[in-house]
């Protein structure tokens, strides 16, 4: 079975997406076909378009999809045509990390999510006029009206008060920020949390800080509107980095330093500020992708050991999507995780304008509606 879908195609680095008619394979064994209701735009999509040549272009990107199952491949169990689903990242399900319910550290994470084709036989699910496109980005390539994804990628969701189109970012950005706080760093009630960067991941972390009942939830963010919404959704304090020395501002709030810091910026100077303002036995989590993929920073070993500081690299918030996405939806229903307040929808055809608006800080989280 082959079908035609409208897709946003990345043809080259640092160039606009083009809206094209693309031929898509039907689902093979272990796969499902999903009609996309909405798909979030994540910074990682742009990193792979502009910085990573390993994901060959032309390609269909997109990895925060939500939609309805239209067809099911051989051997798929527990899913049915008509199911509403959120699409997440891909993992093998059989390695030691997957067995520990840490699928984002699957030993096959990189090829399953970044290869651009089916690992089983090297085939792509997408072509244009017979020419191959890279597909299966994060196992889904959901910048399109239709996506073929591995059944293990999808999380079935029941009826919610929110439109299905808005749920896609739970599959990556929102679960990354929330999971970093609730799972990776396991922020404790009464502790002090600081988040650097008020984008979708950072603001998800702010909401999670409230869920964790942190005594101080501090956001460092240059855009005033994002500082304002942070105070609405859980931040106790906000810091404008342009207003003065950030370290001094942090110590004015928590003189002994913060128990947990989360960097969403990938900026070396910001990470160093976070590390320098940790309390004893504090932890800093790193989720931001640096602009320079060779970026690094130095740590004084004795200065790290003596106070017991910890540095964590975090992927997907240490989340197991099958359980964590329903947990986040329950928090949303209870008014504790109002992620919908961060979203603005655009038609898929306006993807380039939407990305530009997000880059200007006019939008926190873009969701494209095919």
Protein backbone atom coordinates (compact mmCIF):
# COMPACT_ATOMS: atom_id res chain seq x y z
CA UNK A 1 0.00 0.00 0.00
CA UNK A 2 1.29 3.44 -0.91
CA UNK A 3 -0.34 6.74 -0.05
CA UNK A 4 0.22 10.41 -0.75
CA UNK A 5 0.77 12.89 2.03
CA UNK A 6 1.53 16.58 2.26
CA UNK A 7 4.85 17.03 4.05
CA UNK A 8 7.31 19.77 4.99
CA UNK A 9 10.58 18.65 3.41
CA UNK A 10 14.04 19.74 4.54
CA UNK A 11 16.04 20.00 1.31
CA UNK A 12 19.25 21.56 2.65
CA UNK A 13 20.79 23.08 5.75
CA UNK A 14 19.72 26.59 6.78
CA UNK A 15 17.09 26.69 4.04
CA UNK A 16 13.31 26.95 4.43
CA UNK A 17 11.18 23.82 4.45
CA UNK A 18 9.27 23.17 1.24
CA UNK A 19 5.70 21.89 1.22
CA UNK A 20 5.52 18.92 -1.13
CA UNK A 21 3.37 15.95 -2.06
CA UNK A 22 5.20 12.87 -0.80
CA UNK A 23 4.57 9.17 -1.35
CA UNK A 24 4.46 7.17 1.89
CA UNK A 25 4.58 3.42 2.39
CA UNK A 26 1.78 1.80 4.28
CA UNK A 27 2.64 0.22 7.62
CA UNK A 28 4.85 -2.86 7.57
CA UNK A 29 5.15 -5.49 10.27
CA UNK A 30 5.36 -3.81 13.68
CA UNK A 31 4.31 -0.40 12.32
CA UNK A 32 1.17 1.75 12.35
CA UNK A 33 -0.04 4.51 10.05
CA UNK A 34 -1.13 7.67 11.89
CA UNK A 35 -3.07 10.61 10.49
CA UNK A 36 -1.41 13.57 12.17
CA UNK A 37 -3.68 15.99 14.01
CA UNK A 38 -0.84 18.23 15.16
CA UNK A 39 2.95 18.17 15.44
CA UNK A 40 5.19 20.32 17.61
CA UNK A 41 8.25 22.09 16.29
CA UNK A 42 11.25 21.27 18.47
CA UNK A 43 14.71 22.84 18.44
CA UNK A 44 16.07 19.37 17.66
CA UNK A 45 14.27 19.40 14.29
CA UNK A 46 16.24 22.50 13.33
CA UNK A 47 19.50 21.08 14.70
CA UNK A 48 19.12 18.07 12.41
CA UNK A 49 18.17 20.24 9.44
CA UNK A 50 21.02 22.72 9.89
CA UNK A 51 23.84 21.08 11.86
CA UNK A 52 23.81 17.29 11.45
CA UNK A 53 24.72 16.13 7.97
CA UNK A 54 24.53 12.53 9.18
CA UNK A 55 20.75 12.69 8.78
CA UNK A 56 20.77 12.85 5.01
CA UNK A 57 18.73 15.47 3.21
CA UNK A 58 16.26 15.76 1.62
CA UNK A 59 14.29 14.51 4.60
CA UNK A 60 10.99 14.63 6.43
CA UNK A 61 11.62 15.65 10.03
CA UNK A 62 9.15 16.15 12.90
CA UNK A 63 9.06 14.12 16.10
CA UNK A 64 6.27 15.52 18.29
CA UNK A 65 3.24 14.17 16.49
CA UNK A 66 -0.23 13.28 17.73
CA UNK A 67 -3.03 11.79 15.72
CA UNK A 68 -5.34 8.88 14.97
CA UNK A 69 -4.31 5.41 13.82
CA UNK A 70 -5.56 4.68 10.31
CA UNK A 71 -3.92 1.32 9.59
CA UNK A 72 -1.98 -1.34 11.45
CA UNK A 73 0.82 -3.59 10.24
CA UNK A 74 1.26 -7.29 10.83
CA UNK A 75 1.94 -8.40 14.39
CA UNK A 76 0.86 -5.19 16.14
CA UNK A 77 -1.03 -5.85 19.36
CA UNK A 78 -2.84 -3.56 21.78
CA UNK A 79 -3.65 -0.91 19.19
CA UNK A 80 -6.61 -0.46 16.87
CA UNK A 81 -7.71 1.71 13.98
CA UNK A 82 -9.27 4.85 15.45
CA UNK A 83 -7.06 4.98 18.54
CA UNK A 84 -5.86 8.46 19.52
CA UNK A 85 -2.11 8.41 20.07
CA UNK A 86 0.88 10.57 20.92
CA UNK A 87 4.04 9.66 19.00
CA UNK A 88 7.26 9.45 20.98
CA UNK A 89 10.87 8.46 20.37
CA UNK A 90 11.97 5.01 19.29
CA UNK A 91 13.66 2.35 21.42
CA UNK A 92 14.33 -1.36 21.01
CA UNK A 93 12.53 -2.65 24.11
CA UNK A 94 15.03 -5.42 24.75
CA UNK A 95 18.34 -3.94 25.92
CA UNK A 96 19.46 -3.45 29.56
CA UNK A 97 18.41 0.22 29.66
CA UNK A 98 14.99 -0.50 28.16
CA UNK A 99 14.59 -3.28 30.74
CA UNK A 100 15.30 -0.67 33.44
CA UNK A 101 12.47 1.52 32.05
CA UNK A 102 15.01 4.01 30.66
CA UNK A 103 14.27 3.73 26.92
CA UNK A 104 15.88 7.08 26.06
CA UNK A 105 19.23 5.42 26.87
CA UNK A 106 18.47 2.41 24.68
CA UNK A 107 21.68 0.99 23.22
CA UNK A 108 20.10 1.40 19.77
CA UNK A 109 18.71 4.90 20.37
CA UNK A 110 20.95 6.64 17.84
CA UNK A 111 20.31 4.38 14.83
CA UNK A 112 16.63 3.91 15.63
CA UNK A 113 15.98 7.66 15.82
CA UNK A 114 18.62 9.23 13.58
CA UNK A 115 19.41 6.79 10.77
CA UNK A 116 16.69 8.09 8.43
CA UNK A 117 15.49 4.66 7.34
CA UNK A 118 14.18 1.33 8.61
CA UNK A 119 17.03 -0.52 10.28
CA UNK A 120 15.55 -3.89 9.32
CA UNK A 121 16.11 -3.50 5.59
CA UNK A 122 17.47 0.02 4.95
CA UNK A 123 14.31 1.21 3.22
CA UNK A 124 12.86 4.69 3.50
CA UNK A 125 9.17 5.21 3.98
CA UNK A 126 9.10 8.37 1.82
CA UNK A 127 9.75 9.27 -1.81
CA UNK A 128 9.08 12.24 -4.08
CA UNK A 129 8.71 11.41 -7.78
CA UNK A 130 10.59 8.18 -7.10
CA UNK A 131 13.49 9.92 -5.34
CA UNK A 132 14.24 8.73 -1.82
CA UNK A 133 13.76 10.95 1.24
CA UNK A 134 15.17 10.25 4.67
CA UNK A 135 12.34 9.11 6.93
CA UNK A 136 11.58 7.61 10.35
CA UNK A 137 13.07 10.61 12.16
CA UNK A 138 12.70 9.67 15.84
CA UNK A 139 10.85 6.74 14.32
CA UNK A 140 8.06 8.97 12.97
CA UNK A 141 8.85 11.91 10.58
CA UNK A 142 5.61 13.65 11.50
CA UNK A 143 5.93 16.99 9.66
CA UNK A 144 3.23 15.57 7.39
CA UNK A 145 -0.42 14.65 7.19
CA UNK A 146 0.47 10.95 7.52
CA UNK A 147 3.25 9.23 9.45
CA UNK A 148 4.36 5.61 9.53
CA UNK A 149 5.87 4.75 12.89
CA UNK A 150 6.90 1.75 14.92
CA UNK A 151 4.07 0.61 17.17
CA UNK A 152 6.38 0.85 20.19
CA UNK A 153 6.63 4.61 19.55
CA UNK A 154 2.97 5.37 20.15
CA UNK A 155 1.18 6.06 23.41
CA UNK A 156 -2.56 5.57 23.37
CA UNK A 157 -4.44 8.43 25.03
CA UNK A 158 -8.09 8.52 25.93
CA UNK A 159 -10.44 11.44 25.66
CA UNK A 160 -9.00 14.62 27.13
CA UNK A 161 -10.33 18.12 27.62
CA UNK A 162 -7.67 19.33 25.19
CA UNK A 163 -7.73 18.93 21.41
CA UNK A 164 -5.66 15.97 20.25
CA UNK A 165 -3.61 18.33 18.05
CA UNK A 166 -2.07 19.94 21.14
CA UNK A 167 -0.76 16.73 22.71
CA UNK A 168 2.19 16.02 20.40
CA UNK A 169 4.81 18.05 22.35
CA UNK A 170 4.29 15.68 25.28
CA UNK A 171 6.26 13.19 23.20
CA UNK A 172 9.51 15.18 23.47
CA UNK A 173 9.87 18.76 24.69
CA UNK A 174 7.39 18.79 27.54
CA UNK A 175 8.30 15.35 28.82
CA UNK A 176 11.98 16.31 28.64
CA UNK A 177 11.58 19.35 30.88
CA UNK A 178 9.17 17.74 33.28
CA UNK A 179 11.05 14.46 33.41
CA UNK A 180 14.36 16.21 34.06
CA UNK A 181 12.87 17.67 37.25
CA UNK A 182 10.65 14.82 38.41
CA UNK A 183 12.77 11.86 37.31
CA UNK A 184 16.36 12.64 36.31
CA UNK A 185 17.13 15.06 39.15
CA UNK A 186 14.26 13.90 41.39
CA UNK A 187 13.75 17.37 42.85
CA UNK A 188 12.55 17.14 46.46
CA UNK A 189 9.79 19.03 48.23
CA UNK A 190 11.15 22.10 49.97
CA UNK A 191 14.28 22.30 47.82
CA UNK A 192 15.50 25.08 45.52
CA UNK A 193 15.33 24.62 41.73
CA UNK A 194 16.65 26.97 39.05
CA UNK A 195 15.89 26.68 35.34
CA UNK A 196 17.97 28.46 32.72
CA UNK A 197 15.91 29.28 29.63
CA UNK A 198 12.17 29.85 29.37
CA UNK A 199 11.41 27.96 26.19
CA UNK A 200 9.04 24.97 26.08
CA UNK A 201 11.45 22.63 27.88
CA UNK A 202 12.35 25.19 30.53
CA UNK A 203 8.75 26.15 31.25
CA UNK A 204 7.77 22.48 31.46
CA UNK A 205 10.51 22.18 34.08
CA UNK A 206 9.06 25.18 35.94
CA UNK A 207 5.64 23.50 36.06
CA UNK A 208 7.27 20.29 37.25
CA UNK A 209 9.03 22.23 40.00
CA UNK A 210 5.63 23.23 41.33
CA UNK A 211 4.42 19.63 41.07
CA UNK A 212 7.50 18.54 43.04
CA UNK A 213 6.67 21.20 45.67
CA UNK A 214 10.05 22.88 45.46
CA UNK A 215 10.23 25.84 47.84
CA UNK A 216 11.95 28.05 45.27
CA UNK A 217 11.42 27.66 41.53
CA UNK A 218 13.60 30.24 39.78
CA UNK A 219 13.64 30.96 36.05
CA UNK A 220 16.45 32.83 34.29
CA UNK A 221 15.11 34.17 31.00
CA UNK A 222 15.72 37.36 28.97
CA UNK A 223 12.24 37.62 27.39
CA UNK A 224 9.85 39.49 29.69
CA UNK A 225 6.71 37.74 28.43
CA UNK A 226 8.23 34.36 29.22
CA UNK A 227 9.18 35.49 32.71
CA UNK A 228 5.60 36.63 33.23
CA UNK A 229 4.02 33.34 32.17
CA UNK A 230 6.55 31.45 34.30
CA UNK A 231 5.19 33.25 37.36
CA UNK A 232 1.67 32.22 36.34
CA UNK A 233 2.50 28.52 36.00
CA UNK A 234 4.77 27.84 38.94
CA UNK A 235 7.87 30.02 39.24
CA UNK A 236 8.39 31.74 42.59
CA UNK A 237 11.14 34.02 41.26
CA UNK A 238 12.37 35.16 37.83
CA UNK A 239 15.70 36.69 36.86
CA UNK A 240 16.41 38.84 33.82
CA UNK A 241 20.02 38.03 32.87
CA UNK A 242 20.38 41.49 31.34
CA UNK A 243 19.61 43.18 34.65
CA UNK A 244 22.90 42.34 36.37
CA UNK A 245 25.11 39.51 37.54
CA UNK A 246 23.04 36.31 37.55
CA UNK A 247 25.08 34.65 40.28
CA UNK A 248 24.49 37.60 42.61
CA UNK A 249 20.76 37.48 41.87
CA UNK A 250 20.64 33.75 42.60
CA UNK A 251 22.45 34.12 45.94
CA UNK A 252 20.07 36.92 46.93
CA UNK A 253 17.24 34.39 46.71
CA UNK A 254 19.05 31.29 48.02
CA UNK A 255 22.27 32.30 49.83
CA UNK A 256 23.51 28.70 50.12
CA UNK A 257 22.86 27.97 46.45
CA UNK A 258 20.29 25.85 44.63
CA UNK A 259 19.75 22.14 45.13
CA UNK A 260 19.03 21.51 41.45
CA UNK A 261 19.74 23.45 38.26
CA UNK A 262 18.54 22.68 34.75
CA UNK A 263 20.21 24.16 31.68
CA UNK A 264 18.07 24.24 28.54
CA UNK A 265 20.32 26.66 26.64
CA UNK A 266 23.44 24.66 25.76
CA UNK A 267 25.43 27.83 26.51
CA UNK A 268 28.75 27.11 28.23
CA UNK A 269 28.71 30.34 30.25
CA UNK A 270 25.20 29.63 31.50
CA UNK A 271 26.14 26.09 32.50
CA UNK A 272 29.16 27.38 34.39
CA UNK A 273 26.95 29.87 36.24
CA UNK A 274 24.59 27.07 37.23
CA UNK A 275 27.43 24.88 38.44
CA UNK A 276 28.96 27.75 40.43
CA UNK A 277 25.70 28.33 42.28
CA UNK A 278 24.88 24.81 43.40
CA UNK A 279 24.40 24.06 47.08
CA UNK A 280 26.28 21.19 48.68
CA UNK A 281 25.36 17.92 46.97
CA UNK A 282 23.54 19.90 44.31
CA UNK A 283 22.92 18.60 40.80
CA UNK A 284 22.91 20.30 37.41
CA UNK A 285 21.09 18.67 34.52
CA UNK A 286 21.99 19.40 30.91
CA UNK A 287 19.32 19.16 28.21
CA UNK A 288 20.24 22.08 25.92
CA UNK A 289 21.92 21.28 22.61
CA UNK A 290 24.86 23.67 22.04
CA UNK A 291 25.14 25.60 18.79
CA UNK A 292 28.73 24.42 18.52
CA UNK A 293 28.71 20.65 18.78
CA UNK A 294 32.34 20.70 19.97
CA UNK A 295 31.47 22.96 22.93
CA UNK A 296 32.91 21.91 26.28
CA UNK A 297 33.73 23.29 29.72
CA UNK A 298 36.35 22.53 32.35
CA UNK A 299 35.64 21.42 35.90
CA UNK A 300 38.02 21.65 38.83
CA UNK A 301 37.97 18.10 40.17
CA UNK A 302 38.53 19.00 43.83
CA UNK A 303 35.91 21.76 43.65
CA UNK A 304 33.44 19.20 42.29
CA UNK A 305 34.27 16.46 44.78
CA UNK A 306 34.35 18.46 48.01
CA UNK A 307 30.71 19.68 47.91
CA UNK A 308 29.54 16.52 46.11
CA UNK A 309 28.27 18.32 43.03
CA UNK A 310 26.78 16.20 40.27
CA UNK A 311 26.52 16.84 36.51
CA UNK A 312 23.86 14.90 34.59
CA UNK A 313 23.39 14.58 30.86
CA UNK A 314 19.66 14.07 30.25
CA UNK A 315 17.81 12.71 27.23
CA UNK A 316 14.00 12.84 27.07
CA UNK A 317 13.80 13.46 30.82
CA UNK A 318 14.62 9.83 31.66
CA UNK A 319 11.00 9.21 30.67
CA UNK A 320 9.19 6.04 29.78
CA UNK A 321 6.55 7.55 27.51
CA UNK A 322 3.97 4.81 27.99
CA UNK A 323 3.63 5.74 31.65
CA UNK A 324 4.90 9.33 31.85
CA UNK A 325 2.73 10.89 29.14
CA UNK A 326 -0.50 9.70 30.85
CA UNK A 327 0.96 11.03 34.12
CA UNK A 328 1.51 14.46 32.55
CA UNK A 329 -2.03 14.46 31.16
CA UNK A 330 -3.34 13.72 34.64
CA UNK A 331 -1.35 16.67 36.01
CA UNK A 332 -2.81 18.85 33.24
CA UNK A 333 -6.34 17.77 34.10
CA UNK A 334 -5.64 18.69 37.74
CA UNK A 335 -4.46 22.16 36.74
CA UNK A 336 -0.82 21.49 37.66
CA UNK A 337 0.69 21.18 34.18
CA UNK A 338 -1.11 23.68 31.92
CA UNK A 339 1.17 23.13 28.93
CA UNK A 340 -1.57 24.24 26.54
CA UNK A 341 -0.96 27.83 27.69
CA UNK A 342 2.42 27.71 25.95
CA UNK A 343 1.14 26.61 22.53
CA UNK A 344 0.18 28.52 19.41
CA UNK A 345 -1.02 26.60 16.37
CA UNK A 346 -0.13 27.29 12.74
CA UNK A 347 -1.06 25.49 9.53
CA UNK A 348 1.62 23.07 8.38
CA UNK A 349 1.98 25.15 5.22
CA UNK A 350 3.16 28.08 7.39
CA UNK A 351 5.99 26.15 9.04
CA UNK A 352 8.68 28.64 8.04
CA UNK A 353 6.78 31.65 9.35
CA UNK A 354 6.04 29.76 12.55
CA UNK A 355 9.71 28.94 13.09
CA UNK A 356 10.65 32.58 12.52
CA UNK A 357 8.04 33.73 15.05
CA UNK A 358 9.37 31.25 17.59
CA UNK A 359 12.95 32.43 16.99
CA UNK A 360 11.86 36.04 17.63
CA UNK A 361 10.39 35.00 20.97
CA UNK A 362 6.83 35.75 19.88
CA UNK A 363 5.73 32.16 20.40
CA UNK A 364 6.81 29.72 23.09
CA UNK A 365 5.71 26.46 21.46
CA UNK A 366 4.59 26.02 17.86
CA UNK A 367 2.24 23.22 16.93
CA UNK A 368 1.63 22.68 13.21
CA UNK A 369 -1.80 21.49 12.11
CA UNK A 370 -1.83 19.69 8.73
